[in-house]
Amino acid sequence: MSSLKAHSQTLYETDYLQWIETTVEKLQSQDYANVDWENLIEEIANMGRSERRSLKSNLIVILMHLLKWQFQPDKKSGSWEGSIIEHRRHVKEALNDSPSLKSYLESVFAECYAQAVKQAKAETGLSVESFPVMCPYQLPEVINDEFLPQ
């Protein structure tokens, strides 16, 4: 192993920000032979996973609050609506930055709804049977700022 590669791995492990700055400098100067490719590839892959996890998390929160809004109407609160607005904004920002995430969002919609039901059950004390088995909302409604269920 070359000393440069050993230094890069050590730098990656000991000073992440400096590793990023050094890696960017090497790429900009086209010093490809000295780029820490293994860790760079891992970081890029992790970025994609992180974006997808964040998108799922935001969708689950929106769905959970929509369920609470609909199935506990007497307990509607500004904090629920504020949370819906905030998480919709996060979803829209992610979709604006990476439009390809829309197909991913569609593919995990049912899974996210199932998780939202579990969380809504825990937060409301209602039984799982209180909520529809299939999501009563369409994805465009869920991310539409004007939509709140009756």
C-alpha atoms as a PDB file:
ATOM      1  CA  MET A   1       0.000   0.000   0.000  1.00  0.00           C
ATOM      2  CA  SER A   2       1.425   3.369  -0.935  1.00  0.00           C
ATOM      3  CA  SER A   3       2.007   5.913   1.798  1.00  0.00           C
ATOM      4  CA  LEU A   4      -0.414   8.308   0.070  1.00  0.00           C
ATOM      5  CA  LYS A   5      -3.185   5.719   0.148  1.00  0.00           C
ATOM      6  CA  ALA A   6      -2.422   4.878   3.782  1.00  0.00           C
ATOM      7  CA  HIS A   7      -2.476   8.612   4.588  1.00  0.00           C
ATOM      8  CA  SER A   8      -5.827   9.032   2.816  1.00  0.00           C
ATOM      9  CA  GLN A   9      -7.393   6.167   4.733  1.00  0.00           C
ATOM     10  CA  THR A  10      -6.014   7.499   7.970  1.00  0.00           C
ATOM     11  CA  LEU A  11      -7.273  10.956   7.058  1.00  0.00           C
ATOM     12  CA  TYR A  12     -10.701   9.508   6.226  1.00  0.00           C
ATOM     13  CA  GLU A  13     -10.842   7.888   9.638  1.00  0.00           C
ATOM     14  CA  THR A  14      -9.392  10.774  11.642  1.00  0.00           C
ATOM     15  CA  ASP A  15     -10.587  13.981   9.939  1.00  0.00           C
ATOM     16  CA  TYR A  16     -13.556  13.448   7.676  1.00  0.00           C
ATOM     17  CA  LEU A  17     -13.918  17.087   6.595  1.00  0.00           C
ATOM     18  CA  GLN A  18     -10.245  17.350   5.695  1.00  0.00           C
ATOM     19  CA  TRP A  19     -10.562  14.062   3.781  1.00  0.00           C
ATOM     20  CA  ILE A  20     -13.460  15.555   1.767  1.00  0.00           C
ATOM     21  CA  GLU A  21     -11.511  18.748   1.024  1.00  0.00           C
ATOM     22  CA  THR A  22      -8.399  16.782   0.025  1.00  0.00           C
ATOM     23  CA  THR A  23     -10.458  14.464  -2.176  1.00  0.00           C
ATOM     24  CA  VAL A  24     -12.163  17.406  -3.908  1.00  0.00           C
ATOM     25  CA  GLU A  25      -8.770  19.058  -4.525  1.00  0.00           C
ATOM     26  CA  LYS A  26      -7.402  15.839  -6.032  1.00  0.00           C
ATOM     27  CA  LEU A  27     -10.430  15.457  -8.289  1.00  0.00           C
ATOM     28  CA  GLN A  28     -10.319  19.099  -9.381  1.00  0.00           C
ATOM     29  CA  SER A  29      -6.626  18.841 -10.206  1.00  0.00           C
ATOM     30  CA  GLN A  30      -7.272  15.501 -11.955  1.00  0.00           C
ATOM     31  CA  ASP A  31      -4.866  13.724  -9.596  1.00  0.00           C
ATOM     32  CA  TYR A  32      -6.894  10.534 -10.003  1.00  0.00           C
ATOM     33  CA  ALA A  33      -4.065   8.185  -9.065  1.00  0.00           C
ATOM     34  CA  ASN A  34      -4.059   9.537  -5.500  1.00  0.00           C
ATOM     35  CA  VAL A  35      -7.816   9.655  -4.904  1.00  0.00           C
ATOM     36  CA  ASP A  36      -9.056   7.403  -2.088  1.00  0.00           C
ATOM     37  CA  TRP A  37     -11.477   5.659  -4.444  1.00  0.00           C
ATOM     38  CA  GLU A  38     -12.669   2.984  -2.029  1.00  0.00           C
ATOM     39  CA  ASN A  39     -13.923   5.460   0.556  1.00  0.00           C
ATOM     40  CA  LEU A  40     -15.171   7.910  -2.100  1.00  0.00           C
ATOM     41  CA  ILE A  41     -17.307   5.202  -3.735  1.00  0.00           C
ATOM     42  CA  GLU A  42     -18.647   4.158  -0.326  1.00  0.00           C
ATOM     43  CA  GLU A  43     -19.536   7.765   0.529  1.00  0.00           C
ATOM     44  CA  ILE A  44     -21.380   8.301  -2.755  1.00  0.00           C
ATOM     45  CA  ALA A  45     -23.348   5.078  -2.267  1.00  0.00           C
ATOM     46  CA  ASN A  46     -24.196   6.145   1.291  1.00  0.00           C
ATOM     47  CA  MET A  47     -25.480   9.494   0.032  1.00  0.00           C
ATOM     48  CA  GLY A  48     -28.080   7.728  -2.105  1.00  0.00           C
ATOM     49  CA  ARG A  49     -29.164   5.489   0.766  1.00  0.00           C
ATOM     50  CA  SER A  50     -29.388   8.483   3.075  1.00  0.00           C
ATOM     51  CA  GLU A  51     -31.595  10.405   0.625  1.00  0.00           C
ATOM     52  CA  ARG A  52     -33.965   7.439   0.310  1.00  0.00           C
ATOM     53  CA  ARG A  53     -34.117   6.909   4.108  1.00  0.00           C
ATOM     54  CA  SER A  54     -34.873  10.582   4.655  1.00  0.00           C
ATOM     55  CA  LEU A  55     -37.607  10.549   2.028  1.00  0.00           C
ATOM     56  CA  LYS A  56     -39.246   7.498   3.619  1.00  0.00           C
ATOM     57  CA  SER A  57     -39.035   9.030   7.080  1.00  0.00           C
ATOM     58  CA  ASN A  58     -40.672  12.257   5.928  1.00  0.00           C
ATOM     59  CA  LEU A  59     -43.427  10.372   4.099  1.00  0.00           C
ATOM     60  CA  ILE A  60     -44.168   8.252   7.187  1.00  0.00           C
ATOM     61  CA  VAL A  61     -44.499  11.381   9.348  1.00  0.00           C
ATOM     62  CA  ILE A  62     -46.864  13.022   6.834  1.00  0.00           C
ATOM     63  CA  LEU A  63     -49.022   9.904   6.585  1.00  0.00           C
ATOM     64  CA  MET A  64     -49.101   9.453  10.351  1.00  0.00           C
ATOM     65  CA  HIS A  65     -50.252  13.033  10.922  1.00  0.00           C
ATOM     66  CA  LEU A  66     -52.855  12.764   8.152  1.00  0.00           C
ATOM     67  CA  LEU A  67     -54.224   9.649   9.854  1.00  0.00           C
ATOM     68  CA  LYS A  68     -54.279  11.366  13.230  1.00  0.00           C
ATOM     69  CA  TRP A  69     -55.961  14.386  11.624  1.00  0.00           C
ATOM     70  CA  GLN A  70     -58.673  12.221  10.083  1.00  0.00           C
ATOM     71  CA  PHE A  71     -59.214   9.653  12.823  1.00  0.00           C
ATOM     72  CA  GLN A  72     -58.839  11.907  15.873  1.00  0.00           C
ATOM     73  CA  PRO A  73     -60.538  15.071  14.577  1.00  0.00           C
ATOM     74  CA  ASP A  74     -61.308  16.307  18.094  1.00  0.00           C
ATOM     75  CA  LYS A  75     -57.572  16.451  18.831  1.00  0.00           C
ATOM     76  CA  LYS A  76     -56.455  18.321  15.703  1.00  0.00           C
ATOM     77  CA  SER A  77     -53.657  20.698  16.518  1.00  0.00           C
ATOM     78  CA  GLY A  78     -51.515  23.306  14.908  1.00  0.00           C
ATOM     79  CA  SER A  79     -48.455  21.204  15.662  1.00  0.00           C
ATOM     80  CA  TRP A  80     -49.853  18.356  13.540  1.00  0.00           C
ATOM     81  CA  GLU A  81     -50.526  20.713  10.653  1.00  0.00           C
ATOM     82  CA  GLY A  82     -47.130  22.351  11.120  1.00  0.00           C
ATOM     83  CA  SER A  83     -45.461  18.958  11.011  1.00  0.00           C
ATOM     84  CA  ILE A  84     -47.352  18.027   7.836  1.00  0.00           C
ATOM     85  CA  ILE A  85     -46.247  21.285   6.189  1.00  0.00           C
ATOM     86  CA  GLU A  86     -42.620  20.846   7.266  1.00  0.00           C
ATOM     87  CA  HIS A  87     -42.324  17.237   6.114  1.00  0.00           C
ATOM     88  CA  ARG A  88     -44.085  17.975   2.819  1.00  0.00           C
ATOM     89  CA  ARG A  89     -41.489  20.686   2.252  1.00  0.00           C
ATOM     90  CA  HIS A  90     -38.689  18.175   2.871  1.00  0.00           C
ATOM     91  CA  VAL A  91     -40.259  15.706   0.413  1.00  0.00           C
ATOM     92  CA  LYS A  92     -40.734  18.381  -2.240  1.00  0.00           C
ATOM     93  CA  GLU A  93     -37.160  19.633  -1.829  1.00  0.00           C
ATOM     94  CA  ALA A  94     -35.846  16.087  -2.229  1.00  0.00           C
ATOM     95  CA  LEU A  95     -37.990  15.545  -5.341  1.00  0.00           C
ATOM     96  CA  ASN A  96     -36.903  18.895  -6.802  1.00  0.00           C
ATOM     97  CA  ASP A  97     -33.241  18.035  -6.215  1.00  0.00           C
ATOM     98  CA  SER A  98     -33.615  14.455  -7.453  1.00  0.00           C
ATOM     99  CA  PRO A  99     -36.726  13.891  -9.594  1.00  0.00           C
ATOM    100  CA  SER A 100     -35.763  10.224  -9.959  1.00  0.00           C
ATOM    101  CA  LEU A 101     -36.760   9.769  -6.303  1.00  0.00           C
ATOM    102  CA  LYS A 102     -40.449  10.011  -7.320  1.00  0.00           C
ATOM    103  CA  SER A 103     -40.501   6.426  -8.600  1.00  0.00           C
ATOM    104  CA  TYR A 104     -38.790   5.311  -5.388  1.00  0.00           C
ATOM    105  CA  LEU A 105     -41.410   7.174  -3.347  1.00  0.00           C
ATOM    106  CA  GLU A 106     -44.175   5.417  -5.279  1.00  0.00           C
ATOM    107  CA  SER A 107     -42.522   2.034  -4.720  1.00  0.00           C
ATOM    108  CA  VAL A 108     -42.316   2.470  -0.919  1.00  0.00           C
ATOM    109  CA  PHE A 109     -45.669   4.212  -0.456  1.00  0.00           C
ATOM    110  CA  ALA A 110     -47.538   1.128   0.857  1.00  0.00           C
ATOM    111  CA  GLU A 111     -44.640   0.216   3.171  1.00  0.00           C
ATOM    112  CA  CYS A 112     -44.554   3.774   4.534  1.00  0.00           C
ATOM    113  CA  TYR A 113     -48.310   3.696   5.088  1.00  0.00           C
ATOM    114  CA  ALA A 114     -47.999   0.484   7.120  1.00  0.00           C
ATOM    115  CA  GLN A 115     -45.313   2.118   9.273  1.00  0.00           C
ATOM    116  CA  ALA A 116     -47.433   5.260   9.659  1.00  0.00           C
ATOM    117  CA  VAL A 117     -50.375   3.166  10.882  1.00  0.00           C
ATOM    118  CA  LYS A 118     -48.164   1.550  13.533  1.00  0.00           C
ATOM    119  CA  GLN A 119     -46.920   4.912  14.693  1.00  0.00           C
ATOM    120  CA  ALA A 120     -50.395   6.497  14.615  1.00  0.00           C
ATOM    121  CA  LYS A 121     -51.704   3.576  16.706  1.00  0.00           C
ATOM    122  CA  ALA A 122     -48.955   4.139  19.256  1.00  0.00           C
ATOM    123  CA  GLU A 123     -49.512   7.904  19.424  1.00  0.00           C
ATOM    124  CA  THR A 124     -53.324   7.886  19.453  1.00  0.00           C
ATOM    125  CA  GLY A 125     -54.098   4.773  21.470  1.00  0.00           C
ATOM    126  CA  LEU A 126     -56.521   3.739  18.730  1.00  0.00           C
ATOM    127  CA  SER A 127     -56.459   0.123  17.562  1.00  0.00           C
ATOM    128  CA  VAL A 128     -54.804  -0.783  14.274  1.00  0.00           C
ATOM    129  CA  GLU A 129     -58.273  -1.781  13.052  1.00  0.00           C
ATOM    130  CA  SER A 130     -59.347   1.867  13.411  1.00  0.00           C
ATOM    131  CA  PHE A 131     -57.287   2.694  10.331  1.00  0.00           C
ATOM    132  CA  PRO A 132     -57.901   1.517   6.759  1.00  0.00           C
ATOM    133  CA  VAL A 133     -55.808  -1.469   5.642  1.00  0.00           C
ATOM    134  CA  MET A 134     -55.008   0.320   2.381  1.00  0.00           C
ATOM    135  CA  CYS A 135     -53.930   3.946   2.360  1.00  0.00           C
ATOM    136  CA  PRO A 136     -56.992   6.178   1.899  1.00  0.00           C
ATOM    137  CA  TYR A 137     -54.851   8.896   0.306  1.00  0.00           C
ATOM    138  CA  GLN A 138     -53.127   9.090  -3.046  1.00  0.00           C
ATOM    139  CA  LEU A 139     -49.482  10.143  -3.209  1.00  0.00           C
ATOM    140  CA  PRO A 140     -50.271  13.439  -5.012  1.00  0.00           C
ATOM    141  CA  GLU A 141     -52.694  14.308  -2.176  1.00  0.00           C
ATOM    142  CA  VAL A 142     -50.176  13.391   0.502  1.00  0.00           C
ATOM    143  CA  ILE A 143     -47.614  15.866  -0.822  1.00  0.00           C
ATOM    144  CA  ASN A 144     -50.169  18.559  -1.808  1.00  0.00           C
ATOM    145  CA  ASP A 145     -49.985  21.551   0.558  1.00  0.00           C
ATOM    146  CA  GLU A 146     -53.727  22.126   0.234  1.00  0.00           C
ATOM    147  CA  PHE A 147     -54.808  18.600   1.202  1.00  0.00           C
ATOM    148  CA  LEU A 148     -56.050  17.670   4.648  1.00  0.00           C
ATOM    149  CA  PRO A 149     -58.491  14.760   5.027  1.00  0.00           C
ATOM    150  CA  GLN A 150     -62.011  15.305   6.376  1.00  0.00           C
END
